């Protein structure tokens, strides 16, 4: 996923979810995204999943509210990861997440 990707950092879980610029129109739960699990420092995992798979994980479902930072660029990697957030929101439900994503034209 390259330029045009919209990136969201789920701060409490230290997950980064990247939405590609194209290919997801009208899919909603079926959006194909890249999930980067940064919680496992040094063993950062990246995998292609659907948004539905993320929303249905117990870790996501059972830990509301979530603080989500939207960013385009970050500096540093690993422990030095410092995104330059364009917007940060606290969400308390899936509906709040949809509102946030819709506001950013996802």
PDB file of N, CA and C in Angstrom:
ATOM      1  N   UNK A   1       0.847  -1.172   0.000  1.00  0.00           N
ATOM      2  CA  UNK A   1       0.000   0.000   0.000  1.00  0.00           C
ATOM      3  C   UNK A   1       0.890   1.231   0.000  1.00  0.00           C
ATOM      4  N   UNK A   2       0.678   2.054  -0.980  1.00  0.00           N
ATOM      5  CA  UNK A   2       1.574   3.175  -1.181  1.00  0.00           C
ATOM      6  C   UNK A   2       0.847   4.487  -0.994  1.00  0.00           C
ATOM      7  N   UNK A   3       1.327   5.531  -1.687  1.00  0.00           N
ATOM      8  CA  UNK A   3       0.731   6.865  -1.586  1.00  0.00           C
ATOM      9  C   UNK A   3      -0.778   6.817  -1.724  1.00  0.00           C
ATOM     10  N   UNK A   4      -1.446   7.696  -1.003  1.00  0.00           N
ATOM     11  CA  UNK A   4      -2.892   7.733  -1.044  1.00  0.00           C
ATOM     12  C   UNK A   4      -3.519   6.851   0.012  1.00  0.00           C
ATOM     13  N   UNK A   5      -2.708   6.058   0.682  1.00  0.00           N
ATOM     14  CA  UNK A   5      -3.202   5.195   1.747  1.00  0.00           C
ATOM     15  C   UNK A   5      -3.590   6.047   2.943  1.00  0.00           C
ATOM     16  N   UNK A   6      -4.740   5.733   3.528  1.00  0.00           N
ATOM     17  CA  UNK A   6      -5.158   6.422   4.753  1.00  0.00           C
ATOM     18  C   UNK A   6      -4.847   5.503   5.921  1.00  0.00           C
ATOM     19  N   UNK A   7      -4.129   6.045   6.907  1.00  0.00           N
ATOM     20  CA  UNK A   7      -3.616   5.238   8.009  1.00  0.00           C
ATOM     21  C   UNK A   7      -4.235   5.678   9.330  1.00  0.00           C
ATOM     22  N   UNK A   8      -4.612   4.682  10.120  1.00  0.00           N
ATOM     23  CA  UNK A   8      -5.231   4.927  11.417  1.00  0.00           C
ATOM     24  C   UNK A   8      -4.462   4.157  12.480  1.00  0.00           C
ATOM     25  N   UNK A   9      -4.058   4.870  13.531  1.00  0.00           N
ATOM     26  CA  UNK A   9      -3.326   4.258  14.634  1.00  0.00           C
ATOM     27  C   UNK A   9      -4.294   4.088  15.798  1.00  0.00           C
ATOM     28  N   UNK A  10      -4.571   2.840  16.166  1.00  0.00           N
ATOM     29  CA  UNK A  10      -5.407   2.539  17.327  1.00  0.00           C
ATOM     30  C   UNK A  10      -4.461   2.522  18.523  1.00  0.00           C
ATOM     31  N   UNK A  11      -4.427   3.627  19.257  1.00  0.00           N
ATOM     32  CA  UNK A  11      -3.382   3.863  20.232  1.00  0.00           C
ATOM     33  C   UNK A  11      -3.311   2.830  21.348  1.00  0.00           C
ATOM     34  N   UNK A  12      -4.434   2.483  21.955  1.00  0.00           N
ATOM     35  CA  UNK A  12      -4.393   1.571  23.099  1.00  0.00           C
ATOM     36  C   UNK A  12      -3.879   0.183  22.717  1.00  0.00           C
ATOM     37  N   UNK A  13      -4.195  -0.269  21.520  1.00  0.00           N
ATOM     38  CA  UNK A  13      -3.779  -1.599  21.068  1.00  0.00           C
ATOM     39  C   UNK A  13      -2.478  -1.539  20.278  1.00  0.00           C
ATOM     40  N   UNK A  14      -2.066  -0.351  19.911  1.00  0.00           N
ATOM     41  CA  UNK A  14      -0.896  -0.099  19.065  1.00  0.00           C
ATOM     42  C   UNK A  14      -0.995  -0.847  17.739  1.00  0.00           C
ATOM     43  N   UNK A  15      -2.171  -0.738  17.129  1.00  0.00           N
ATOM     44  CA  UNK A  15      -2.412  -1.282  15.795  1.00  0.00           C
ATOM     45  C   UNK A  15      -2.438  -0.131  14.804  1.00  0.00           C
ATOM     46  N   UNK A  16      -1.926  -0.373  13.606  1.00  0.00           N
ATOM     47  CA  UNK A  16      -2.066   0.564  12.501  1.00  0.00           C
ATOM     48  C   UNK A  16      -2.891  -0.148  11.434  1.00  0.00           C
ATOM     49  N   UNK A  17      -3.961   0.510  10.996  1.00  0.00           N
ATOM     50  CA  UNK A  17      -4.815  -0.037   9.945  1.00  0.00           C
ATOM     51  C   UNK A  17      -4.708   0.902   8.753  1.00  0.00           C
ATOM     52  N   UNK A  18      -4.295   0.352   7.606  1.00  0.00           N
ATOM     53  CA  UNK A  18      -4.085   1.138   6.393  1.00  0.00           C
ATOM     54  C   UNK A  18      -5.148   0.803   5.357  1.00  0.00           C
ATOM     55  N   UNK A  19      -5.870   1.833   4.910  1.00  0.00           N
ATOM     56  CA  UNK A  19      -6.895   1.693   3.883  1.00  0.00           C
ATOM     57  C   UNK A  19      -6.296   2.132   2.555  1.00  0.00           C
ATOM     58  N   UNK A  20      -6.328   1.277   1.529  1.00  0.00           N
ATOM     59  CA  UNK A  20      -5.796   1.682   0.228  1.00  0.00           C
ATOM     60  C   UNK A  20      -6.671   2.752  -0.414  1.00  0.00           C
ATOM     61  N   UNK A  21      -6.072   3.489  -1.322  1.00  0.00           N
ATOM     62  CA  UNK A  21      -6.787   4.572  -2.003  1.00  0.00           C
ATOM     63  C   UNK A  21      -7.926   4.039  -2.866  1.00  0.00           C
ATOM     64  N   UNK A  22      -7.733   2.906  -3.501  1.00  0.00           N
ATOM     65  CA  UNK A  22      -8.720   2.359  -4.439  1.00  0.00           C
ATOM     66  C   UNK A  22      -9.086   0.924  -4.091  1.00  0.00           C
ATOM     67  N   UNK A  23     -10.226   0.492  -4.624  1.00  0.00           N
ATOM     68  CA  UNK A  23     -10.586  -0.910  -4.561  1.00  0.00           C
ATOM     69  C   UNK A  23     -11.574  -1.317  -3.492  1.00  0.00           C
ATOM     70  N   UNK A  24     -12.024  -0.383  -2.671  1.00  0.00           N
ATOM     71  CA  UNK A  24     -12.922  -0.738  -1.580  1.00  0.00           C
ATOM     72  C   UNK A  24     -14.290  -0.081  -1.668  1.00  0.00           C
ATOM     73  N   UNK A  25     -14.571   0.614  -2.728  1.00  0.00           N
ATOM     74  CA  UNK A  25     -15.817   1.375  -2.820  1.00  0.00           C
ATOM     75  C   UNK A  25     -17.037   0.484  -2.568  1.00  0.00           C
ATOM     76  N   UNK A  26     -17.842   0.877  -1.569  1.00  0.00           N
ATOM     77  CA  UNK A  26     -19.082   0.185  -1.260  1.00  0.00           C
ATOM     78  C   UNK A  26     -18.937  -1.108  -0.480  1.00  0.00           C
ATOM     79  N   UNK A  27     -17.735  -1.440  -0.034  1.00  0.00           N
ATOM     80  CA  UNK A  27     -17.535  -2.726   0.644  1.00  0.00           C
ATOM     81  C   UNK A  27     -17.801  -2.678   2.147  1.00  0.00           C
ATOM     82  N   UNK A  28     -17.589  -1.556   2.794  1.00  0.00           N
ATOM     83  CA  UNK A  28     -17.786  -1.372   4.226  1.00  0.00           C
ATOM     84  C   UNK A  28     -17.113  -2.480   5.034  1.00  0.00           C
ATOM     85  N   UNK A  29     -17.845  -3.431   5.581  1.00  0.00           N
ATOM     86  CA  UNK A  29     -17.219  -4.478   6.391  1.00  0.00           C
ATOM     87  C   UNK A  29     -16.215  -5.300   5.594  1.00  0.00           C
ATOM     88  N   UNK A  30     -16.399  -5.383   4.300  1.00  0.00           N
ATOM     89  CA  UNK A  30     -15.502  -6.160   3.454  1.00  0.00           C
ATOM     90  C   UNK A  30     -14.289  -5.395   2.964  1.00  0.00           C
ATOM     91  N   UNK A  31     -14.059  -4.171   3.482  1.00  0.00           N
ATOM     92  CA  UNK A  31     -12.885  -3.397   3.077  1.00  0.00           C
ATOM     93  C   UNK A  31     -11.639  -4.243   3.283  1.00  0.00           C
ATOM     94  N   UNK A  32     -10.785  -4.279   2.290  1.00  0.00           N
ATOM     95  CA  UNK A  32      -9.486  -4.930   2.425  1.00  0.00           C
ATOM     96  C   UNK A  32      -8.505  -3.902   2.964  1.00  0.00           C
ATOM     97  N   UNK A  33      -7.879  -4.224   4.087  1.00  0.00           N
ATOM     98  CA  UNK A  33      -6.958  -3.303   4.742  1.00  0.00           C
ATOM     99  C   UNK A  33      -5.685  -4.052   5.118  1.00  0.00           C
ATOM    100  N   UNK A  34      -4.653  -3.287   5.431  1.00  0.00           N
ATOM    101  CA  UNK A  34      -3.418  -3.850   5.958  1.00  0.00           C
ATOM    102  C   UNK A  34      -3.420  -3.581   7.455  1.00  0.00           C
ATOM    103  N   UNK A  35      -3.296  -4.635   8.253  1.00  0.00           N
ATOM    104  CA  UNK A  35      -3.233  -4.503   9.710  1.00  0.00           C
ATOM    105  C   UNK A  35      -1.793  -4.703  10.145  1.00  0.00           C
ATOM    106  N   UNK A  36      -1.262  -3.720  10.861  1.00  0.00           N
ATOM    107  CA  UNK A  36       0.088  -3.806  11.412  1.00  0.00           C
ATOM    108  C   UNK A  36      -0.052  -3.820  12.923  1.00  0.00           C
ATOM    109  N   UNK A  37       0.326  -4.943  13.530  1.00  0.00           N
ATOM    110  CA  UNK A  37       0.246  -5.077  14.985  1.00  0.00           C
ATOM    111  C   UNK A  37       1.588  -4.668  15.570  1.00  0.00           C
ATOM    112  N   UNK A  38       1.650  -3.440  16.074  1.00  0.00           N
ATOM    113  CA  UNK A  38       2.899  -2.899  16.615  1.00  0.00           C
ATOM    114  C   UNK A  38       3.107  -3.271  18.072  1.00  0.00           C
ATOM    115  N   UNK A  39       2.101  -3.861  18.687  1.00  0.00           N
ATOM    116  CA  UNK A  39       2.190  -4.200  20.104  1.00  0.00           C
ATOM    117  C   UNK A  39       3.348  -5.159  20.376  1.00  0.00           C
ATOM    118  N   UNK A  40       3.613  -6.021  19.430  1.00  0.00           N
ATOM    119  CA  UNK A  40       4.697  -6.995  19.564  1.00  0.00           C
ATOM    120  C   UNK A  40       5.982  -6.344  19.070  1.00  0.00           C
ATOM    121  N   UNK A  41       6.524  -5.440  19.864  1.00  0.00           N
ATOM    122  CA  UNK A  41       7.708  -4.687  19.467  1.00  0.00           C
ATOM    123  C   UNK A  41       8.830  -5.619  19.020  1.00  0.00           C
ATOM    124  N   UNK A  42       9.415  -5.291  17.921  1.00  0.00           N
ATOM    125  CA  UNK A  42      10.496  -6.102  17.383  1.00  0.00           C
ATOM    126  C   UNK A  42       9.999  -7.225  16.485  1.00  0.00           C
ATOM    127  N   UNK A  43       8.732  -7.607  16.651  1.00  0.00           N
ATOM    128  CA  UNK A  43       8.166  -8.658  15.796  1.00  0.00           C
ATOM    129  C   UNK A  43       6.895  -8.133  15.147  1.00  0.00           C
ATOM    130  N   UNK A  44       6.944  -6.879  14.756  1.00  0.00           N
ATOM    131  CA  UNK A  44       5.796  -6.220  14.125  1.00  0.00           C
ATOM    132  C   UNK A  44       5.227  -7.104  13.020  1.00  0.00           C
ATOM    133  N   UNK A  45       3.935  -7.374  13.099  1.00  0.00           N
ATOM    134  CA  UNK A  45       3.318  -8.238  12.096  1.00  0.00           C
ATOM    135  C   UNK A  45       2.419  -7.426  11.180  1.00  0.00           C
ATOM    136  N   UNK A  46       2.462  -7.771   9.899  1.00  0.00           N
ATOM    137  CA  UNK A  46       1.621  -7.117   8.896  1.00  0.00           C
ATOM    138  C   UNK A  46       0.818  -8.200   8.201  1.00  0.00           C
ATOM    139  N   UNK A  47      -0.486  -7.957   8.043  1.00  0.00           N
ATOM    140  CA  UNK A  47      -1.277  -8.919   7.286  1.00  0.00           C
ATOM    141  C   UNK A  47      -2.477  -8.247   6.650  1.00  0.00           C
ATOM    142  N   UNK A  48      -2.868  -8.790   5.497  1.00  0.00           N
ATOM    143  CA  UNK A  48      -4.053  -8.314   4.792  1.00  0.00           C
ATOM    144  C   UNK A  48      -5.267  -8.958   5.443  1.00  0.00           C
ATOM    145  N   UNK A  49      -6.233  -8.145   5.841  1.00  0.00           N
ATOM    146  CA  UNK A  49      -7.463  -8.630   6.461  1.00  0.00           C
ATOM    147  C   UNK A  49      -8.615  -7.770   5.963  1.00  0.00           C
ATOM    148  N   UNK A  50      -9.827  -8.148   6.332  1.00  0.00           N
ATOM    149  CA  UNK A  50     -10.971  -7.279   6.064  1.00  0.00           C
ATOM    150  C   UNK A  50     -11.252  -6.476   7.322  1.00  0.00           C
ATOM    151  N   UNK A  51     -11.922  -5.368   7.158  1.00  0.00           N
ATOM    152  CA  UNK A  51     -12.287  -4.550   8.308  1.00  0.00           C
ATOM    153  C   UNK A  51     -13.160  -5.354   9.267  1.00  0.00           C
ATOM    154  N   UNK A  52     -14.015  -6.207   8.737  1.00  0.00           N
ATOM    155  CA  UNK A  52     -14.875  -7.048   9.577  1.00  0.00           C
ATOM    156  C   UNK A  52     -14.048  -7.946  10.491  1.00  0.00           C
ATOM    157  N   UNK A  53     -12.954  -8.501   9.983  1.00  0.00           N
ATOM    158  CA  UNK A  53     -12.096  -9.359  10.807  1.00  0.00           C
ATOM    159  C   UNK A  53     -11.527  -8.586  11.995  1.00  0.00           C
ATOM    160  N   UNK A  54     -11.179  -7.330  11.773  1.00  0.00           N
ATOM    161  CA  UNK A  54     -10.655  -6.501  12.862  1.00  0.00           C
ATOM    162  C   UNK A  54     -11.744  -6.226  13.885  1.00  0.00           C
ATOM    163  N   UNK A  55     -12.915  -5.807  13.399  1.00  0.00           N
ATOM    164  CA  UNK A  55     -14.005  -5.436  14.301  1.00  0.00           C
ATOM    165  C   UNK A  55     -14.505  -6.607  15.125  1.00  0.00           C
ATOM    166  N   UNK A  56     -14.334  -7.825  14.632  1.00  0.00           N
ATOM    167  CA  UNK A  56     -14.833  -9.001  15.341  1.00  0.00           C
ATOM    168  C   UNK A  56     -13.815  -9.635  16.279  1.00  0.00           C
ATOM    169  N   UNK A  57     -12.591  -9.103  16.338  1.00  0.00           N
ATOM    170  CA  UNK A  57     -11.618  -9.674  17.268  1.00  0.00           C
ATOM    171  C   UNK A  57     -12.013  -9.304  18.686  1.00  0.00           C
ATOM    172  N   UNK A  58     -11.895 -10.244  19.626  1.00  0.00           N
ATOM    173  CA  UNK A  58     -12.232  -9.939  21.021  1.00  0.00           C
ATOM    174  C   UNK A  58     -11.439  -8.746  21.552  1.00  0.00           C
ATOM    175  N   UNK A  59     -10.185  -8.634  21.138  1.00  0.00           N
ATOM    176  CA  UNK A  59      -9.355  -7.517  21.604  1.00  0.00           C
ATOM    177  C   UNK A  59      -9.978  -6.179  21.221  1.00  0.00           C
ATOM    178  N   UNK A  60     -10.570  -6.100  20.037  1.00  0.00           N
ATOM    179  CA  UNK A  60     -11.217  -4.864  19.597  1.00  0.00           C
ATOM    180  C   UNK A  60     -12.572  -4.695  20.265  1.00  0.00           C
ATOM    181  N   UNK A  61     -13.389  -5.734  20.220  1.00  0.00           N
ATOM    182  CA  UNK A  61     -14.761  -5.661  20.734  1.00  0.00           C
ATOM    183  C   UNK A  61     -14.833  -5.395  22.231  1.00  0.00           C
ATOM    184  N   UNK A  62     -13.868  -5.905  22.979  1.00  0.00           N
ATOM    185  CA  UNK A  62     -13.947  -5.842  24.438  1.00  0.00           C
ATOM    186  C   UNK A  62     -13.128  -4.724  25.064  1.00  0.00           C
ATOM    187  N   UNK A  63     -12.624  -3.807  24.263  1.00  0.00           N
ATOM    188  CA  UNK A  63     -11.767  -2.772  24.862  1.00  0.00           C
ATOM    189  C   UNK A  63     -12.158  -1.349  24.467  1.00  0.00           C
ATOM    190  N   UNK A  64     -13.455  -1.119  24.238  1.00  0.00           N
ATOM    191  CA  UNK A  64     -13.923   0.253  23.994  1.00  0.00           C
ATOM    192  C   UNK A  64     -13.747   1.066  25.253  1.00  0.00           C
ATOM    193  N   UNK A  65     -13.533   2.369  25.163  1.00  0.00           N
ATOM    194  CA  UNK A  65     -13.389   3.157  23.943  1.00  0.00           C
ATOM    195  C   UNK A  65     -11.985   3.008  23.355  1.00  0.00           C
ATOM    196  N   UNK A  66     -11.870   3.334  22.071  1.00  0.00           N
ATOM    197  CA  UNK A  66     -10.596   3.317  21.365  1.00  0.00           C
ATOM    198  C   UNK A  66     -10.226   4.751  20.990  1.00  0.00           C
ATOM    199  N   UNK A  67      -8.962   5.077  21.148  1.00  0.00           N
ATOM    200  CA  UNK A  67      -8.447   6.351  20.667  1.00  0.00           C
ATOM    201  C   UNK A  67      -7.771   6.070  19.336  1.00  0.00           C
ATOM    202  N   UNK A  68      -8.218   6.782  18.293  1.00  0.00           N
ATOM    203  CA  UNK A  68      -7.711   6.528  16.950  1.00  0.00           C
ATOM    204  C   UNK A  68      -7.122   7.807  16.382  1.00  0.00           C
ATOM    205  N   UNK A  69      -5.886   7.721  15.937  1.00  0.00           N
ATOM    206  CA  UNK A  69      -5.235   8.845  15.290  1.00  0.00           C
ATOM    207  C   UNK A  69      -5.135   8.606  13.796  1.00  0.00           C
ATOM    208  N   UNK A  70      -5.628   9.557  13.016  1.00  0.00           N
ATOM    209  CA  UNK A  70      -5.524   9.496  11.549  1.00  0.00           C
ATOM    210  C   UNK A  70      -4.264  10.250  11.153  1.00  0.00           C
ATOM    211  N   UNK A  71      -3.435   9.628  10.311  1.00  0.00           N
ATOM    212  CA  UNK A  71      -2.201  10.292   9.881  1.00  0.00           C
ATOM    213  C   UNK A  71      -1.840   9.875   8.466  1.00  0.00           C
ATOM    214  N   UNK A  72      -0.978  10.665   7.846  1.00  0.00           N
ATOM    215  CA  UNK A  72      -0.480  10.336   6.507  1.00  0.00           C
ATOM    216  C   UNK A  72       0.981   9.920   6.561  1.00  0.00           C
ATOM    217  N   UNK A  73       1.749  10.551   7.407  1.00  0.00           N
ATOM    218  CA  UNK A  73       3.183  10.274   7.484  1.00  0.00           C
ATOM    219  C   UNK A  73       3.584  10.018   8.929  1.00  0.00           C
ATOM    220  N   UNK A  74       4.650   9.256   9.089  1.00  0.00           N
ATOM    221  CA  UNK A  74       5.222   9.061  10.418  1.00  0.00           C
ATOM    222  C   UNK A  74       6.731   9.090  10.275  1.00  0.00           C
ATOM    223  N   UNK A  75       7.382   9.390  11.366  1.00  0.00           N
ATOM    224  CA  UNK A  75       8.837   9.329  11.354  1.00  0.00           C
ATOM    225  C   UNK A  75       9.255   8.241  12.331  1.00  0.00           C
ATOM    226  N   UNK A  76      10.344   7.616  12.045  1.00  0.00           N
ATOM    227  CA  UNK A  76      10.850   6.558  12.904  1.00  0.00           C
ATOM    228  C   UNK A  76      10.104   5.252  12.727  1.00  0.00           C
ATOM    229  N   UNK A  77      10.730   4.200  13.211  1.00  0.00           N
ATOM    230  CA  UNK A  77      10.141   2.873  13.157  1.00  0.00           C
ATOM    231  C   UNK A  77      10.304   2.223  14.516  1.00  0.00           C
ATOM    232  N   UNK A  78       9.583   1.131  14.727  1.00  0.00           N
ATOM    233  CA  UNK A  78       9.683   0.410  15.992  1.00  0.00           C
ATOM    234  C   UNK A  78       9.330   1.320  17.149  1.00  0.00           C
ATOM    235  N   UNK A  79      10.197   1.354  18.166  1.00  0.00           N
ATOM    236  CA  UNK A  79       9.949   2.168  19.356  1.00  0.00           C
ATOM    237  C   UNK A  79       9.978   3.659  19.044  1.00  0.00           C
ATOM    238  N   UNK A  80      10.602   4.043  17.938  1.00  0.00           N
ATOM    239  CA  UNK A  80      10.722   5.452  17.556  1.00  0.00           C
ATOM    240  C   UNK A  80       9.573   5.932  16.667  1.00  0.00           C
ATOM    241  N   UNK A  81       8.558   5.100  16.468  1.00  0.00           N
ATOM    242  CA  UNK A  81       7.397   5.421  15.631  1.00  0.00           C
ATOM    243  C   UNK A  81       6.674   6.639  16.196  1.00  0.00           C
ATOM    244  N   UNK A  82       6.618   7.715  15.404  1.00  0.00           N
ATOM    245  CA  UNK A  82       5.922   8.930  15.838  1.00  0.00           C
ATOM    246  C   UNK A  82       5.107   9.503  14.685  1.00  0.00           C
ATOM    247  N   UNK A  83       3.831   9.101  14.599  1.00  0.00           N
ATOM    248  CA  UNK A  83       2.982   9.635  13.531  1.00  0.00           C
ATOM    249  C   UNK A  83       2.655  11.103  13.761  1.00  0.00           C
ATOM    250  N   UNK A  84       2.468  11.809  12.678  1.00  0.00           N
ATOM    251  CA  UNK A  84       2.018  13.198  12.740  1.00  0.00           C
ATOM    252  C   UNK A  84       0.516  13.176  12.480  1.00  0.00           C
ATOM    253  N   UNK A  85      -0.247  13.124  13.578  1.00  0.00           N
ATOM    254  CA  UNK A  85      -1.698  12.970  13.475  1.00  0.00           C
ATOM    255  C   UNK A  85      -2.357  14.205  12.882  1.00  0.00           C
ATOM    256  N   UNK A  86      -3.270  13.968  11.941  1.00  0.00           N
ATOM    257  CA  UNK A  86      -4.082  15.038  11.374  1.00  0.00           C
ATOM    258  C   UNK A  86      -5.362  15.197  12.179  1.00  0.00           C
ATOM    259  N   UNK A  87      -5.801  14.096  12.792  1.00  0.00           N
ATOM    260  CA  UNK A  87      -7.005  14.120  13.617  1.00  0.00           C
ATOM    261  C   UNK A  87      -6.954  12.938  14.580  1.00  0.00           C
ATOM    262  N   UNK A  88      -7.442  13.165  15.790  1.00  0.00           N
ATOM    263  CA  UNK A  88      -7.536  12.106  16.793  1.00  0.00           C
ATOM    264  C   UNK A  88      -8.960  12.099  17.322  1.00  0.00           C
ATOM    265  N   UNK A  89      -9.539  10.900  17.399  1.00  0.00           N
ATOM    266  CA  UNK A  89     -10.896  10.767  17.945  1.00  0.00           C
ATOM    267  C   UNK A  89     -10.954   9.590  18.899  1.00  0.00           C
ATOM    268  N   UNK A  90     -11.836   9.714  19.877  1.00  0.00           N
ATOM    269  CA  UNK A  90     -12.144   8.616  20.781  1.00  0.00           C
ATOM    270  C   UNK A  90     -13.467   8.047  20.319  1.00  0.00           C
ATOM    271  N   UNK A  91     -13.489   6.742  20.057  1.00  0.00           N
ATOM    272  CA  UNK A  91     -14.730   6.113  19.615  1.00  0.00           C
ATOM    273  C   UNK A  91     -15.205   5.132  20.684  1.00  0.00           C
ATOM    274  N   UNK A  92     -16.518   5.091  20.862  1.00  0.00           N
ATOM    275  CA  UNK A  92     -17.115   4.231  21.882  1.00  0.00           C
ATOM    276  C   UNK A  92     -17.963   3.121  21.290  1.00  0.00           C
ATOM    277  N   UNK A  93     -18.070   3.086  19.966  1.00  0.00           N
ATOM    278  CA  UNK A  93     -18.896   2.067  19.314  1.00  0.00           C
ATOM    279  C   UNK A  93     -18.478   1.936  17.853  1.00  0.00           C
ATOM    280  N   UNK A  94     -18.960   0.886  17.211  1.00  0.00           N
ATOM    281  CA  UNK A  94     -18.702   0.699  15.785  1.00  0.00           C
ATOM    282  C   UNK A  94     -19.317   1.850  14.999  1.00  0.00           C
ATOM    283  N   UNK A  95     -20.470   2.334  15.460  1.00  0.00           N
ATOM    284  CA  UNK A  95     -21.123   3.461  14.778  1.00  0.00           C
ATOM    285  C   UNK A  95     -20.227   4.692  14.776  1.00  0.00           C
ATOM    286  N   UNK A  96     -19.536   4.946  15.905  1.00  0.00           N
ATOM    287  CA  UNK A  96     -18.593   6.069  15.968  1.00  0.00           C
ATOM    288  C   UNK A  96     -17.458   5.886  14.958  1.00  0.00           C
ATOM    289  N   UNK A  97     -16.999   4.643  14.814  1.00  0.00           N
ATOM    290  CA  UNK A  97     -15.938   4.367  13.845  1.00  0.00           C
ATOM    291  C   UNK A  97     -16.421   4.662  12.432  1.00  0.00           C
ATOM    292  N   UNK A  98     -17.654   4.226  12.094  1.00  0.00           N
ATOM    293  CA  UNK A  98     -18.203   4.507  10.759  1.00  0.00           C
ATOM    294  C   UNK A  98     -18.270   6.009  10.511  1.00  0.00           C
ATOM    295  N   UNK A  99     -18.706   6.768  11.517  1.00  0.00           N
ATOM    296  CA  UNK A  99     -18.790   8.228  11.361  1.00  0.00           C
ATOM    297  C   UNK A  99     -17.413   8.821  11.073  1.00  0.00           C
ATOM    298  N   UNK A 100     -16.402   8.355  11.793  1.00  0.00           N
ATOM    299  CA  UNK A 100     -15.036   8.839  11.602  1.00  0.00           C
ATOM    300  C   UNK A 100     -14.550   8.498  10.190  1.00  0.00           C
ATOM    301  N   UNK A 101     -14.736   7.254   9.772  1.00  0.00           N
ATOM    302  CA  UNK A 101     -14.289   6.842   8.442  1.00  0.00           C
ATOM    303  C   UNK A 101     -15.031   7.596   7.345  1.00  0.00           C
ATOM    304  N   UNK A 102     -16.330   7.776   7.514  1.00  0.00           N
ATOM    305  CA  UNK A 102     -17.120   8.509   6.514  1.00  0.00           C
ATOM    306  C   UNK A 102     -16.698   9.967   6.424  1.00  0.00           C
ATOM    307  N   UNK A 103     -16.349  10.573   7.568  1.00  0.00           N
ATOM    308  CA  UNK A 103     -15.905  11.966   7.576  1.00  0.00           C
ATOM    309  C   UNK A 103     -14.614  12.138   6.774  1.00  0.00           C
ATOM    310  N   UNK A 104     -13.842  11.053   6.668  1.00  0.00           N
ATOM    311  CA  UNK A 104     -12.573  11.096   5.934  1.00  0.00           C
ATOM    312  C   UNK A 104     -12.686  10.450   4.557  1.00  0.00           C
ATOM    313  N   UNK A 105     -13.923  10.268   4.105  1.00  0.00           N
ATOM    314  CA  UNK A 105     -14.193   9.719   2.769  1.00  0.00           C
ATOM    315  C   UNK A 105     -13.566   8.354   2.531  1.00  0.00           C
ATOM    316  N   UNK A 106     -13.685   7.493   3.503  1.00  0.00           N
ATOM    317  CA  UNK A 106     -13.204   6.111   3.344  1.00  0.00           C
ATOM    318  C   UNK A 106     -14.317   5.302   2.718  1.00  0.00           C
TER     319      UNK A 106
END
